[in-house]
Every structure is written in structure tokens, then in C-alpha cells.
Amino acid sequence: MSTVKTEKRIDFDTLSKNIFVISIPIVFIIFTFINPNFASWYNVKNIISSICPVLILSAGLTFVLLLGGIDLSTGALCSATCVLTGLHIAQYGNKFILLMLALGVVAGLANGFLVTILKMPSFIATLCTQSIWSCVALVCSDGSSATIPQQDRGVIAWTNVEFLGLPVLFWYTVVVFALLIFFEKKTATGKAIFAMGSNAEAARMSGVNVVAVQMTAFLLCGVASAATGVYYALTIKGSVPSIGDNLGLMGIASVAVGGTSLAGGNGSVVRTLFGCAMIVMIRQGMNVIGTDAFWQDIIYGLIVVLALVFNSDRSLTNRIVK
């Protein structure tokens, strides 16, 4: 009897870990059946381009979730940096991008400080900073979108370059993603994030600098969120103060669907890539078949719930998200 139960548990765990791989081609086939244009190269190229900003944000968010924490400020910070970049890059040039990345560092460290030094729950801390960055986006933009004047777009002309049929910003995303994989797999801090997510007290007793590791995770998340805002500003050649409104949920959904446990300690940036592909494909598919935007948010929420059902570690039933 016990053998049968073990085999069923193993089969379910195997399904949970690979459900996103199985789902991607199924979803693609379903949307193609509904609307054959979904499989066109033009639409596939749009899907690839749409994955890029979500992937940058979600990959950075993965490190915080691997700790068992949460960062709700990612979308708001993305909106703020999109607004600031869209309004000022023409005046200050491409070096302004570095300033936005530095702002991401500051935002990430601020979140880390609230969580690690002031001992605030990450949910509450980042909910507060989310409000701050949302206000920054609205105040700086006067609540309205703006475009970079046509005569000033020469400074970002490099974003129009394509290589192998894909825009240069796609390859920029590839480089950023590769660096995050390297950090996760090859650095001591990257490995310590997994150790802390699995058992923070054991990691502390083994000599891990808990504060430094947590601060680094939030820092990477902040930089990734800022970089996402810059990406959007360069892509749309302007600023939209609400552009990150849905990104927070999309990022969490992407990480969860990719198989990263929201209780921490289990997952990877590579798995987040597959989660992003799944989420963006669903979003693009709903756009192609004309699904109402309000229903899209409901579907994202249901995806997160289903992902938690499949990806929860049933050997750690008493653990809670930190």
C-alpha cells in the first residue's frame, strides 16, 4: 500500500515539475486552431519581442521568490523608469539608461533594507514602495503618456537595428538573461539564495551572510525592474505611467508557472523563461482572439492559483511564504 502511494506521489511531482513544458505546445496548438494567424511569423515575432521585458523583470523577481519573499513594487518601478526614460533620454542621451539602472539599485536596496534591517514582512514593505513608485510615475508624467519628438529620436536610433531578423533589444535581453543564469549557477551568493530559501537558519549557521544575500536578491530585482522600464521606453519611444500596472502579476505568474516554489528554495531562472513564454503566449493568444482586457487579469490570477497547486512542495506543507 505504501509503495503505491509513493509511486503516485512521484508521478504527481514529476508532472508538476514538467507541466509548463507540456503546456506550451498545447496552448500554441489551441490558439492556432482558433485563429490560424496565431502561428504566423509576424505573430511569433511579436510573442518573442513581448517575452523580452517580462523575462527581464521575472528573472530578477525569481531571486526574491527563491528566498520565499515577494516584491510587489516591480511593476510600479518599471512604470517610473519608463516615464523618466521617455521624458529625459532625448535630452541626456543614452547615458541616462545607466542612471535608471542606478535608480533600480537604490530601489532594490531600499526594499532590502526594509526587509532585512527593519524586519518588515516583504509583502508589506514592497506594497509601500509600490505606492511610492506609482506616485513617482504619475507625478513626473502629469498622469498622461508622452512620446519622444521625432526630431530627437536619433539618440535611440540604435534600437531599430535588427540582427538575424530580431531587434537588438532582444539580444540585449539574451545577454542580461545569460548574466543572471551565471550569477545563479556560478556565484557563491547565487547558491546561497537557494540555501536560504530552503532553510534560512541552517544557512545562517553554516556561515552565510544572511543580510548580504537578501539585499543582493532585492537589488537584482530592483535593477531588473528598472531595466524593464527602460526597455519599454525605448520600444514605444515614449513614456506610459501605467505600463507596469499588470507586470507585477505577470511576473509572479511567470515565475510560478515556470516551477519556482513560492515558499522558496526550489526553482531557477531558466524555468522562469518557460513560464514567461507560457504567460506571454496566453496573453498574445487572448489578444488575437479578442478577449476583453479585464478578463485577461482574471485569467492571470487563475493561472497563478493553478501554478501554486501544481508547484507547491507537498513535503513542506507547514511552510509559509516569508
C-alpha atoms as a PDB file:
ATOM      1  CA  MET A   1       0.000   0.000   0.000  1.00  0.00           C
ATOM      2  CA  SER A   2       2.766   2.447   0.909  1.00  0.00           C
ATOM      3  CA  THR A   3       4.607   1.607  -2.319  1.00  0.00           C
ATOM      4  CA  VAL A   4       1.575   2.543  -4.401  1.00  0.00           C
ATOM      5  CA  LYS A   5       1.182   5.861  -2.595  1.00  0.00           C
ATOM      6  CA  THR A   6       4.855   6.665  -3.112  1.00  0.00           C
ATOM      7  CA  GLU A   7       4.645   5.919  -6.829  1.00  0.00           C
ATOM      8  CA  LYS A   8       1.584   8.169  -7.183  1.00  0.00           C
ATOM      9  CA  ARG A   9       3.319  10.978  -5.315  1.00  0.00           C
ATOM     10  CA  ILE A  10       6.414  10.654  -7.517  1.00  0.00           C
ATOM     11  CA  ASP A  11       4.269  10.697 -10.670  1.00  0.00           C
ATOM     12  CA  PHE A  12       2.450  13.832  -9.495  1.00  0.00           C
ATOM     13  CA  ASP A  13       5.716  15.537  -8.564  1.00  0.00           C
ATOM     14  CA  THR A  14       7.167  14.696 -11.981  1.00  0.00           C
ATOM     15  CA  LEU A  15       4.066  16.116 -13.669  1.00  0.00           C
ATOM     16  CA  SER A  16       4.279  19.254 -11.524  1.00  0.00           C
ATOM     17  CA  LYS A  17       7.887  19.897 -12.461  1.00  0.00           C
ATOM     18  CA  ASN A  18       7.265  19.489 -16.193  1.00  0.00           C
ATOM     19  CA  ILE A  19       3.732  20.784 -16.631  1.00  0.00           C
ATOM     20  CA  PHE A  20       4.942  24.060 -18.161  1.00  0.00           C
ATOM     21  CA  VAL A  21       6.939  22.208 -20.849  1.00  0.00           C
ATOM     22  CA  ILE A  22       3.894  20.160 -21.777  1.00  0.00           C
ATOM     23  CA  SER A  23       1.543  23.151 -21.699  1.00  0.00           C
ATOM     24  CA  ILE A  24       3.445  25.454 -24.097  1.00  0.00           C
ATOM     25  CA  PRO A  25       2.901  23.398 -27.300  1.00  0.00           C
ATOM     26  CA  ILE A  26      -0.670  22.581 -26.225  1.00  0.00           C
ATOM     27  CA  VAL A  27      -1.519  26.264 -25.766  1.00  0.00           C
ATOM     28  CA  PHE A  28       0.134  27.112 -29.090  1.00  0.00           C
ATOM     29  CA  ILE A  29      -1.908  24.458 -30.901  1.00  0.00           C
ATOM     30  CA  ILE A  30      -5.176  25.562 -29.254  1.00  0.00           C
ATOM     31  CA  PHE A  31      -4.785  29.221 -30.208  1.00  0.00           C
ATOM     32  CA  THR A  32      -3.641  28.271 -33.721  1.00  0.00           C
ATOM     33  CA  PHE A  33      -6.754  26.113 -34.114  1.00  0.00           C
ATOM     34  CA  ILE A  34      -8.959  29.045 -33.011  1.00  0.00           C
ATOM     35  CA  ASN A  35      -7.127  31.548 -35.211  1.00  0.00           C
ATOM     36  CA  PRO A  36      -4.530  30.287 -37.744  1.00  0.00           C
ATOM     37  CA  ASN A  37      -2.886  33.739 -37.770  1.00  0.00           C
ATOM     38  CA  PHE A  38      -1.513  32.925 -34.320  1.00  0.00           C
ATOM     39  CA  ALA A  39       1.107  30.681 -35.983  1.00  0.00           C
ATOM     40  CA  SER A  40       2.258  33.320 -38.479  1.00  0.00           C
ATOM     41  CA  TRP A  41       5.864  34.503 -38.319  1.00  0.00           C
ATOM     42  CA  TYR A  42       4.664  38.043 -37.667  1.00  0.00           C
ATOM     43  CA  ASN A  43       2.772  36.919 -34.562  1.00  0.00           C
ATOM     44  CA  VAL A  44       5.577  34.618 -33.411  1.00  0.00           C
ATOM     45  CA  LYS A  45       7.982  37.548 -33.716  1.00  0.00           C
ATOM     46  CA  ASN A  46       5.594  39.657 -31.632  1.00  0.00           C
ATOM     47  CA  ILE A  47       5.493  36.925 -28.991  1.00  0.00           C
ATOM     48  CA  ILE A  48       9.288  36.805 -28.857  1.00  0.00           C
ATOM     49  CA  SER A  49       9.501  40.589 -28.552  1.00  0.00           C
ATOM     50  CA  SER A  50       6.798  40.611 -25.869  1.00  0.00           C
ATOM     51  CA  ILE A  51       8.622  37.966 -23.838  1.00  0.00           C
ATOM     52  CA  CYS A  52      11.752  40.130 -23.510  1.00  0.00           C
ATOM     53  CA  PRO A  53      10.619  42.785 -20.995  1.00  0.00           C
ATOM     54  CA  VAL A  54       8.555  40.291 -18.984  1.00  0.00           C
ATOM     55  CA  LEU A  55      11.543  37.953 -18.858  1.00  0.00           C
ATOM     56  CA  ILE A  56      13.915  40.650 -17.596  1.00  0.00           C
ATOM     57  CA  LEU A  57      11.538  41.591 -14.789  1.00  0.00           C
ATOM     58  CA  SER A  58      10.587  37.995 -13.935  1.00  0.00           C
ATOM     59  CA  ALA A  59      14.179  36.760 -13.922  1.00  0.00           C
ATOM     60  CA  GLY A  60      15.112  39.395 -11.355  1.00  0.00           C
ATOM     61  CA  LEU A  61      11.980  38.652  -9.322  1.00  0.00           C
ATOM     62  CA  THR A  62      12.911  34.955  -9.276  1.00  0.00           C
ATOM     63  CA  PHE A  63      15.733  35.573  -6.794  1.00  0.00           C
ATOM     64  CA  VAL A  64      13.401  37.207  -4.263  1.00  0.00           C
ATOM     65  CA  LEU A  65      10.863  34.404  -4.621  1.00  0.00           C
ATOM     66  CA  LEU A  66      13.626  31.817  -4.215  1.00  0.00           C
ATOM     67  CA  LEU A  67      14.162  33.319  -0.758  1.00  0.00           C
ATOM     68  CA  GLY A  68      10.486  32.775  -0.003  1.00  0.00           C
ATOM     69  CA  GLY A  69       9.840  36.512  -0.171  1.00  0.00           C
ATOM     70  CA  ILE A  70       7.843  38.720  -2.512  1.00  0.00           C
ATOM     71  CA  ASP A  71       8.332  42.037  -4.288  1.00  0.00           C
ATOM     72  CA  LEU A  72       5.131  43.822  -5.219  1.00  0.00           C
ATOM     73  CA  SER A  73       6.900  47.010  -6.346  1.00  0.00           C
ATOM     74  CA  THR A  74       8.326  45.631  -9.605  1.00  0.00           C
ATOM     75  CA  GLY A  75       5.569  46.894 -11.908  1.00  0.00           C
ATOM     76  CA  ALA A  76       5.428  50.346 -10.307  1.00  0.00           C
ATOM     77  CA  LEU A  77       9.201  50.767 -10.518  1.00  0.00           C
ATOM     78  CA  CYS A  78       9.017  49.727 -14.165  1.00  0.00           C
ATOM     79  CA  SER A  79       6.412  52.446 -14.782  1.00  0.00           C
ATOM     80  CA  ALA A  80       8.535  55.075 -13.025  1.00  0.00           C
ATOM     81  CA  THR A  81      11.701  54.297 -15.009  1.00  0.00           C
ATOM     82  CA  CYS A  82       9.712  54.123 -18.240  1.00  0.00           C
ATOM     83  CA  VAL A  83       8.339  57.607 -17.596  1.00  0.00           C
ATOM     84  CA  LEU A  84      11.698  59.069 -16.589  1.00  0.00           C
ATOM     85  CA  THR A  85      13.488  57.492 -19.550  1.00  0.00           C
ATOM     86  CA  GLY A  86      10.853  58.515 -22.065  1.00  0.00           C
ATOM     87  CA  LEU A  87      10.875  62.120 -20.839  1.00  0.00           C
ATOM     88  CA  HIS A  88      14.611  62.681 -20.471  1.00  0.00           C
ATOM     89  CA  ILE A  89      16.666  60.320 -22.653  1.00  0.00           C
ATOM     90  CA  ALA A  90      16.472  62.659 -25.636  1.00  0.00           C
ATOM     91  CA  GLN A  91      17.980  65.424 -23.528  1.00  0.00           C
ATOM     92  CA  TYR A  92      20.669  63.477 -21.691  1.00  0.00           C
ATOM     93  CA  GLY A  93      21.456  60.723 -24.189  1.00  0.00           C
ATOM     94  CA  ASN A  94      21.943  57.010 -23.690  1.00  0.00           C
ATOM     95  CA  LYS A  95      23.946  57.551 -20.506  1.00  0.00           C
ATOM     96  CA  PHE A  96      20.591  58.236 -18.887  1.00  0.00           C
ATOM     97  CA  ILE A  97      19.981  54.467 -19.074  1.00  0.00           C
ATOM     98  CA  LEU A  98      22.806  53.946 -16.579  1.00  0.00           C
ATOM     99  CA  LEU A  99      21.159  56.450 -14.251  1.00  0.00           C
ATOM    100  CA  MET A 100      17.916  54.456 -14.412  1.00  0.00           C
ATOM    101  CA  LEU A 101      19.771  51.247 -13.618  1.00  0.00           C
ATOM    102  CA  ALA A 102      21.350  53.031 -10.662  1.00  0.00           C
ATOM    103  CA  LEU A 103      17.842  54.026  -9.580  1.00  0.00           C
ATOM    104  CA  GLY A 104      16.961  50.343  -9.733  1.00  0.00           C
ATOM    105  CA  VAL A 105      19.895  49.609  -7.428  1.00  0.00           C
ATOM    106  CA  VAL A 106      18.646  52.212  -4.946  1.00  0.00           C
ATOM    107  CA  ALA A 107      15.072  50.873  -5.129  1.00  0.00           C
ATOM    108  CA  GLY A 108      16.244  47.302  -4.600  1.00  0.00           C
ATOM    109  CA  LEU A 109      18.472  48.232  -1.677  1.00  0.00           C
ATOM    110  CA  ALA A 110      15.605  50.210  -0.124  1.00  0.00           C
ATOM    111  CA  ASN A 111      13.378  47.136  -0.262  1.00  0.00           C
ATOM    112  CA  GLY A 112      16.184  45.010   1.120  1.00  0.00           C
ATOM    113  CA  PHE A 113      16.792  47.472   3.950  1.00  0.00           C
ATOM    114  CA  LEU A 114      13.122  47.441   4.963  1.00  0.00           C
ATOM    115  CA  VAL A 115      13.030  43.640   4.963  1.00  0.00           C
ATOM    116  CA  THR A 116      16.430  42.723   6.400  1.00  0.00           C
ATOM    117  CA  ILE A 117      17.277  45.611   8.738  1.00  0.00           C
ATOM    118  CA  LEU A 118      13.858  46.886   9.798  1.00  0.00           C
ATOM    119  CA  LYS A 119      12.438  43.330   9.751  1.00  0.00           C
ATOM    120  CA  MET A 120       9.307  44.284   7.831  1.00  0.00           C
ATOM    121  CA  PRO A 121       7.483  41.465   6.003  1.00  0.00           C
ATOM    122  CA  SER A 122       8.429  41.666   2.336  1.00  0.00           C
ATOM    123  CA  PHE A 123       4.752  41.815   1.354  1.00  0.00           C
ATOM    124  CA  ILE A 124       4.121  44.948   3.438  1.00  0.00           C
ATOM    125  CA  ALA A 125       7.465  46.602   2.657  1.00  0.00           C
ATOM    126  CA  THR A 126       7.139  46.278  -1.116  1.00  0.00           C
ATOM    127  CA  LEU A 127       3.456  47.189  -1.036  1.00  0.00           C
ATOM    128  CA  CYS A 128       4.533  50.535   0.465  1.00  0.00           C
ATOM    129  CA  THR A 129       7.313  51.099  -2.084  1.00  0.00           C
ATOM    130  CA  GLN A 130       4.894  50.118  -4.835  1.00  0.00           C
ATOM    131  CA  SER A 131       2.730  53.104  -3.869  1.00  0.00           C
ATOM    132  CA  ILE A 132       5.786  55.381  -3.855  1.00  0.00           C
ATOM    133  CA  TRP A 133       6.922  54.402  -7.343  1.00  0.00           C
ATOM    134  CA  SER A 134       3.394  54.585  -8.717  1.00  0.00           C
ATOM    135  CA  CYS A 135       3.167  58.158  -7.439  1.00  0.00           C
ATOM    136  CA  VAL A 136       6.563  58.983  -8.984  1.00  0.00           C
ATOM    137  CA  ALA A 137       5.320  57.747 -12.363  1.00  0.00           C
ATOM    138  CA  LEU A 138       2.095  59.750 -12.141  1.00  0.00           C
ATOM    139  CA  VAL A 139       3.653  62.956 -10.809  1.00  0.00           C
ATOM    140  CA  CYS A 140       6.513  63.026 -13.333  1.00  0.00           C
ATOM    141  CA  SER A 141       4.184  62.350 -16.245  1.00  0.00           C
ATOM    142  CA  ASP A 142       1.261  64.502 -15.033  1.00  0.00           C
ATOM    143  CA  GLY A 143      -0.798  61.337 -15.369  1.00  0.00           C
ATOM    144  CA  SER A 144      -0.544  61.188 -19.150  1.00  0.00           C
ATOM    145  CA  SER A 145       1.521  59.404 -21.782  1.00  0.00           C
ATOM    146  CA  ALA A 146       4.094  61.181 -23.927  1.00  0.00           C
ATOM    147  CA  THR A 147       6.207  60.382 -26.967  1.00  0.00           C
ATOM    148  CA  ILE A 148       9.782  61.315 -27.786  1.00  0.00           C
ATOM    149  CA  PRO A 149       9.671  64.003 -30.522  1.00  0.00           C
ATOM    150  CA  GLN A 150      10.542  62.624 -33.944  1.00  0.00           C
ATOM    151  CA  GLN A 151      13.474  65.024 -34.351  1.00  0.00           C
ATOM    152  CA  ASP A 152      15.015  63.803 -31.065  1.00  0.00           C
ATOM    153  CA  ARG A 153      14.856  60.081 -31.747  1.00  0.00           C
ATOM    154  CA  GLY A 154      18.304  59.951 -33.305  1.00  0.00           C
ATOM    155  CA  VAL A 155      19.794  59.259 -29.884  1.00  0.00           C
ATOM    156  CA  ILE A 156      17.941  55.922 -29.714  1.00  0.00           C
ATOM    157  CA  ALA A 157      18.208  55.030 -33.402  1.00  0.00           C
ATOM    158  CA  TRP A 158      20.311  52.017 -32.405  1.00  0.00           C
ATOM    159  CA  THR A 159      17.151  50.319 -31.085  1.00  0.00           C
ATOM    160  CA  ASN A 160      15.872  49.973 -34.664  1.00  0.00           C
ATOM    161  CA  VAL A 161      18.788  47.738 -35.671  1.00  0.00           C
ATOM    162  CA  GLU A 162      17.987  44.061 -36.281  1.00  0.00           C
ATOM    163  CA  PHE A 163      20.276  41.040 -36.168  1.00  0.00           C
ATOM    164  CA  LEU A 164      19.190  37.690 -37.592  1.00  0.00           C
ATOM    165  CA  GLY A 165      15.711  39.095 -38.102  1.00  0.00           C
ATOM    166  CA  LEU A 166      15.233  40.110 -34.464  1.00  0.00           C
ATOM    167  CA  PRO A 167      15.624  43.574 -32.870  1.00  0.00           C
ATOM    168  CA  VAL A 168      18.791  44.449 -30.986  1.00  0.00           C
ATOM    169  CA  LEU A 169      16.808  44.745 -27.743  1.00  0.00           C
ATOM    170  CA  PHE A 170      16.069  41.023 -27.999  1.00  0.00           C
ATOM    171  CA  TRP A 171      19.790  40.270 -27.979  1.00  0.00           C
ATOM    172  CA  TYR A 172      20.206  42.709 -25.116  1.00  0.00           C
ATOM    173  CA  THR A 173      17.699  40.593 -23.211  1.00  0.00           C
ATOM    174  CA  VAL A 174      19.634  37.441 -24.067  1.00  0.00           C
ATOM    175  CA  VAL A 175      22.806  38.939 -22.606  1.00  0.00           C
ATOM    176  CA  VAL A 176      21.049  40.055 -19.405  1.00  0.00           C
ATOM    177  CA  PHE A 177      19.408  36.643 -19.044  1.00  0.00           C
ATOM    178  CA  ALA A 178      22.741  34.862 -19.530  1.00  0.00           C
ATOM    179  CA  LEU A 179      24.350  37.019 -16.837  1.00  0.00           C
ATOM    180  CA  LEU A 180      21.565  36.170 -14.386  1.00  0.00           C
ATOM    181  CA  ILE A 181      21.985  32.460 -15.110  1.00  0.00           C
ATOM    182  CA  PHE A 182      25.716  32.803 -14.487  1.00  0.00           C
ATOM    183  CA  PHE A 183      25.025  34.559 -11.183  1.00  0.00           C
ATOM    184  CA  GLU A 184      22.584  31.852 -10.123  1.00  0.00           C
ATOM    185  CA  LYS A 185      24.740  28.867 -11.083  1.00  0.00           C
ATOM    186  CA  LYS A 186      28.326  30.016 -10.639  1.00  0.00           C
ATOM    187  CA  THR A 187      28.481  32.517  -7.775  1.00  0.00           C
ATOM    188  CA  ALA A 188      28.502  31.797  -4.059  1.00  0.00           C
ATOM    189  CA  THR A 189      25.738  34.336  -3.452  1.00  0.00           C
ATOM    190  CA  GLY A 190      23.530  32.738  -6.091  1.00  0.00           C
ATOM    191  CA  LYS A 191      23.889  29.340  -4.443  1.00  0.00           C
ATOM    192  CA  ALA A 192      23.348  30.888  -1.008  1.00  0.00           C
ATOM    193  CA  ILE A 193      19.944  32.197  -2.146  1.00  0.00           C
ATOM    194  CA  PHE A 194      18.795  28.610  -2.656  1.00  0.00           C
ATOM    195  CA  ALA A 195      20.214  27.589   0.709  1.00  0.00           C
ATOM    196  CA  MET A 196      18.417  30.419   2.484  1.00  0.00           C
ATOM    197  CA  GLY A 197      15.152  29.693   0.703  1.00  0.00           C
ATOM    198  CA  SER A 198      15.319  26.071   1.809  1.00  0.00           C
ATOM    199  CA  ASN A 199      16.345  26.732   5.411  1.00  0.00           C
ATOM    200  CA  ALA A 200      17.408  30.229   6.457  1.00  0.00           C
ATOM    201  CA  GLU A 201      18.526  29.187   9.929  1.00  0.00           C
ATOM    202  CA  ALA A 202      20.695  26.352   8.630  1.00  0.00           C
ATOM    203  CA  ALA A 203      22.239  28.704   6.072  1.00  0.00           C
ATOM    204  CA  ARG A 204      22.990  31.239   8.806  1.00  0.00           C
ATOM    205  CA  MET A 205      24.630  28.573  10.981  1.00  0.00           C
ATOM    206  CA  SER A 206      26.759  27.422   8.048  1.00  0.00           C
ATOM    207  CA  GLY A 207      28.270  30.896   7.736  1.00  0.00           C
ATOM    208  CA  VAL A 208      26.084  32.515   5.077  1.00  0.00           C
ATOM    209  CA  ASN A 209      25.789  36.290   5.404  1.00  0.00           C
ATOM    210  CA  VAL A 210      22.004  36.345   5.501  1.00  0.00           C
ATOM    211  CA  VAL A 211      21.652  40.129   5.265  1.00  0.00           C
ATOM    212  CA  ALA A 212      24.008  40.417   2.287  1.00  0.00           C
ATOM    213  CA  VAL A 213      22.261  37.608   0.409  1.00  0.00           C
ATOM    214  CA  GLN A 214      18.804  39.091   0.946  1.00  0.00           C
ATOM    215  CA  MET A 215      19.992  42.564  -0.018  1.00  0.00           C
ATOM    216  CA  THR A 216      21.548  41.163  -3.208  1.00  0.00           C
ATOM    217  CA  ALA A 217      18.333  39.392  -4.194  1.00  0.00           C
ATOM    218  CA  PHE A 218      16.263  42.570  -3.787  1.00  0.00           C
ATOM    219  CA  LEU A 219      18.970  44.595  -5.548  1.00  0.00           C
ATOM    220  CA  LEU A 220      18.856  42.309  -8.601  1.00  0.00           C
ATOM    221  CA  CYS A 221      15.062  42.509  -8.602  1.00  0.00           C
ATOM    222  CA  GLY A 222      15.193  46.311  -8.484  1.00  0.00           C
ATOM    223  CA  VAL A 223      17.717  46.569 -11.313  1.00  0.00           C
ATOM    224  CA  ALA A 224      15.716  44.126 -13.454  1.00  0.00           C
ATOM    225  CA  SER A 225      12.510  46.128 -12.875  1.00  0.00           C
ATOM    226  CA  ALA A 226      14.251  49.393 -13.799  1.00  0.00           C
ATOM    227  CA  ALA A 227      15.771  47.779 -16.893  1.00  0.00           C
ATOM    228  CA  THR A 228      12.285  46.634 -17.912  1.00  0.00           C
ATOM    229  CA  GLY A 229      11.001  50.195 -17.703  1.00  0.00           C
ATOM    230  CA  VAL A 230      13.897  51.387 -19.860  1.00  0.00           C
ATOM    231  CA  TYR A 231      13.153  48.601 -22.345  1.00  0.00           C
ATOM    232  CA  TYR A 232       9.545  49.721 -22.697  1.00  0.00           C
ATOM    233  CA  ALA A 233      10.524  53.385 -23.098  1.00  0.00           C
ATOM    234  CA  LEU A 234      12.966  52.501 -25.885  1.00  0.00           C
ATOM    235  CA  THR A 235      10.461  50.211 -27.576  1.00  0.00           C
ATOM    236  CA  ILE A 236       7.449  52.546 -27.564  1.00  0.00           C
ATOM    237  CA  LYS A 237       9.709  55.616 -27.878  1.00  0.00           C
ATOM    238  CA  GLY A 238       7.906  57.410 -25.128  1.00  0.00           C
ATOM    239  CA  SER A 239       6.522  57.101 -21.622  1.00  0.00           C
ATOM    240  CA  VAL A 240       3.377  55.486 -20.227  1.00  0.00           C
ATOM    241  CA  PRO A 241       2.806  55.889 -16.458  1.00  0.00           C
ATOM    242  CA  SER A 242       0.575  52.811 -16.291  1.00  0.00           C
ATOM    243  CA  ILE A 243       2.702  50.458 -18.365  1.00  0.00           C
ATOM    244  CA  GLY A 244       3.767  48.373 -15.369  1.00  0.00           C
ATOM    245  CA  ASP A 245       0.316  48.049 -13.796  1.00  0.00           C
ATOM    246  CA  ASN A 246      -0.140  44.414 -14.815  1.00  0.00           C
ATOM    247  CA  LEU A 247       3.529  43.442 -14.841  1.00  0.00           C
ATOM    248  CA  GLY A 248       3.714  42.596 -11.148  1.00  0.00           C
ATOM    249  CA  LEU A 249       1.088  39.892 -11.502  1.00  0.00           C
ATOM    250  CA  MET A 250       2.569  38.737 -14.804  1.00  0.00           C
ATOM    251  CA  GLY A 251       5.997  38.431 -13.208  1.00  0.00           C
ATOM    252  CA  ILE A 252       4.742  36.382 -10.266  1.00  0.00           C
ATOM    253  CA  ALA A 253       2.656  34.235 -12.612  1.00  0.00           C
ATOM    254  CA  SER A 254       5.654  33.649 -14.890  1.00  0.00           C
ATOM    255  CA  VAL A 255       7.875  32.552 -12.015  1.00  0.00           C
ATOM    256  CA  ALA A 256       5.171  30.318 -10.525  1.00  0.00           C
ATOM    257  CA  VAL A 257       4.194  28.738 -13.839  1.00  0.00           C
ATOM    258  CA  GLY A 258       7.880  28.083 -14.507  1.00  0.00           C
ATOM    259  CA  GLY A 259       8.008  25.876 -11.423  1.00  0.00           C
ATOM    260  CA  THR A 260       9.724  28.059  -8.844  1.00  0.00           C
ATOM    261  CA  SER A 261       8.258  27.371  -5.421  1.00  0.00           C
ATOM    262  CA  LEU A 262       6.821  30.498  -3.830  1.00  0.00           C
ATOM    263  CA  ALA A 263       7.843  29.005  -0.481  1.00  0.00           C
ATOM    264  CA  GLY A 264      11.471  29.404  -1.607  1.00  0.00           C
ATOM    265  CA  GLY A 265      14.454  27.164  -2.154  1.00  0.00           C
ATOM    266  CA  ASN A 266      13.370  25.449  -5.369  1.00  0.00           C
ATOM    267  CA  GLY A 267      13.344  26.790  -8.929  1.00  0.00           C
ATOM    268  CA  SER A 268      15.617  28.578 -11.375  1.00  0.00           C
ATOM    269  CA  VAL A 269      15.896  31.491 -13.775  1.00  0.00           C
ATOM    270  CA  VAL A 270      15.793  29.073 -16.713  1.00  0.00           C
ATOM    271  CA  ARG A 271      12.449  27.712 -15.554  1.00  0.00           C
ATOM    272  CA  THR A 272      11.191  31.289 -15.377  1.00  0.00           C
ATOM    273  CA  LEU A 273      11.962  31.614 -19.103  1.00  0.00           C
ATOM    274  CA  PHE A 274       9.471  28.848 -19.859  1.00  0.00           C
ATOM    275  CA  GLY A 275       6.956  30.412 -17.501  1.00  0.00           C
ATOM    276  CA  CYS A 276       7.304  33.753 -19.317  1.00  0.00           C
ATOM    277  CA  ALA A 277       6.830  32.051 -22.672  1.00  0.00           C
ATOM    278  CA  MET A 278       3.658  30.427 -21.391  1.00  0.00           C
ATOM    279  CA  ILE A 279       2.201  33.616 -19.883  1.00  0.00           C
ATOM    280  CA  VAL A 280       3.035  35.829 -22.883  1.00  0.00           C
ATOM    281  CA  MET A 281       1.724  33.217 -25.307  1.00  0.00           C
ATOM    282  CA  ILE A 282      -1.577  33.128 -23.425  1.00  0.00           C
ATOM    283  CA  ARG A 283      -1.728  36.928 -23.384  1.00  0.00           C
ATOM    284  CA  GLN A 284      -0.955  37.197 -27.080  1.00  0.00           C
ATOM    285  CA  GLY A 285      -3.450  34.459 -27.827  1.00  0.00           C
ATOM    286  CA  MET A 286      -6.186  36.261 -25.900  1.00  0.00           C
ATOM    287  CA  ASN A 287      -5.400  39.434 -27.858  1.00  0.00           C
ATOM    288  CA  VAL A 288      -5.572  37.554 -31.157  1.00  0.00           C
ATOM    289  CA  ILE A 289      -8.966  36.040 -30.357  1.00  0.00           C
ATOM    290  CA  GLY A 290     -10.247  39.329 -28.905  1.00  0.00           C
ATOM    291  CA  THR A 291     -10.534  38.562 -25.183  1.00  0.00           C
ATOM    292  CA  ASP A 292     -11.550  41.581 -23.083  1.00  0.00           C
ATOM    293  CA  ALA A 293      -8.638  43.152 -21.175  1.00  0.00           C
ATOM    294  CA  PHE A 294     -10.459  42.863 -17.840  1.00  0.00           C
ATOM    295  CA  TRP A 295     -10.928  39.138 -18.318  1.00  0.00           C
ATOM    296  CA  GLN A 296      -7.230  38.799 -19.057  1.00  0.00           C
ATOM    297  CA  ASP A 297      -6.394  39.853 -15.492  1.00  0.00           C
ATOM    298  CA  ILE A 298      -8.829  37.269 -14.145  1.00  0.00           C
ATOM    299  CA  ILE A 299      -7.180  34.591 -16.253  1.00  0.00           C
ATOM    300  CA  TYR A 300      -3.719  35.607 -14.993  1.00  0.00           C
ATOM    301  CA  GLY A 301      -4.982  35.217 -11.432  1.00  0.00           C
ATOM    302  CA  LEU A 302      -6.350  31.765 -12.184  1.00  0.00           C
ATOM    303  CA  ILE A 303      -3.023  30.801 -13.755  1.00  0.00           C
ATOM    304  CA  VAL A 304      -1.183  31.740 -10.551  1.00  0.00           C
ATOM    305  CA  VAL A 305      -3.631  29.650  -8.493  1.00  0.00           C
ATOM    306  CA  LEU A 306      -3.204  26.629 -10.769  1.00  0.00           C
ATOM    307  CA  ALA A 307       0.574  27.078 -10.781  1.00  0.00           C
ATOM    308  CA  LEU A 308       0.620  27.068  -6.982  1.00  0.00           C
ATOM    309  CA  VAL A 309      -1.459  23.891  -6.952  1.00  0.00           C
ATOM    310  CA  PHE A 310       0.935  22.111  -9.270  1.00  0.00           C
ATOM    311  CA  ASN A 311       4.197  23.597  -7.994  1.00  0.00           C
ATOM    312  CA  SER A 312       3.666  23.527  -4.226  1.00  0.00           C
ATOM    313  CA  ASP A 313       6.083  21.239  -2.410  1.00  0.00           C
ATOM    314  CA  ARG A 314       3.886  18.772  -0.537  1.00  0.00           C
ATOM    315  CA  SER A 315       6.783  17.631   1.611  1.00  0.00           C
ATOM    316  CA  LEU A 316       6.826  21.120   3.166  1.00  0.00           C
ATOM    317  CA  THR A 317       3.135  21.547   3.899  1.00  0.00           C
ATOM    318  CA  ASN A 318       3.765  23.623   7.027  1.00  0.00           C
ATOM    319  CA  ARG A 319       5.949  26.232   5.339  1.00  0.00           C
ATOM    320  CA  ILE A 320       4.596  29.673   4.579  1.00  0.00           C
ATOM    321  CA  VAL A 321       5.826  32.437   2.292  1.00  0.00           C
ATOM    322  CA  LYS A 322       8.073  34.794   4.233  1.00  0.00           C
END
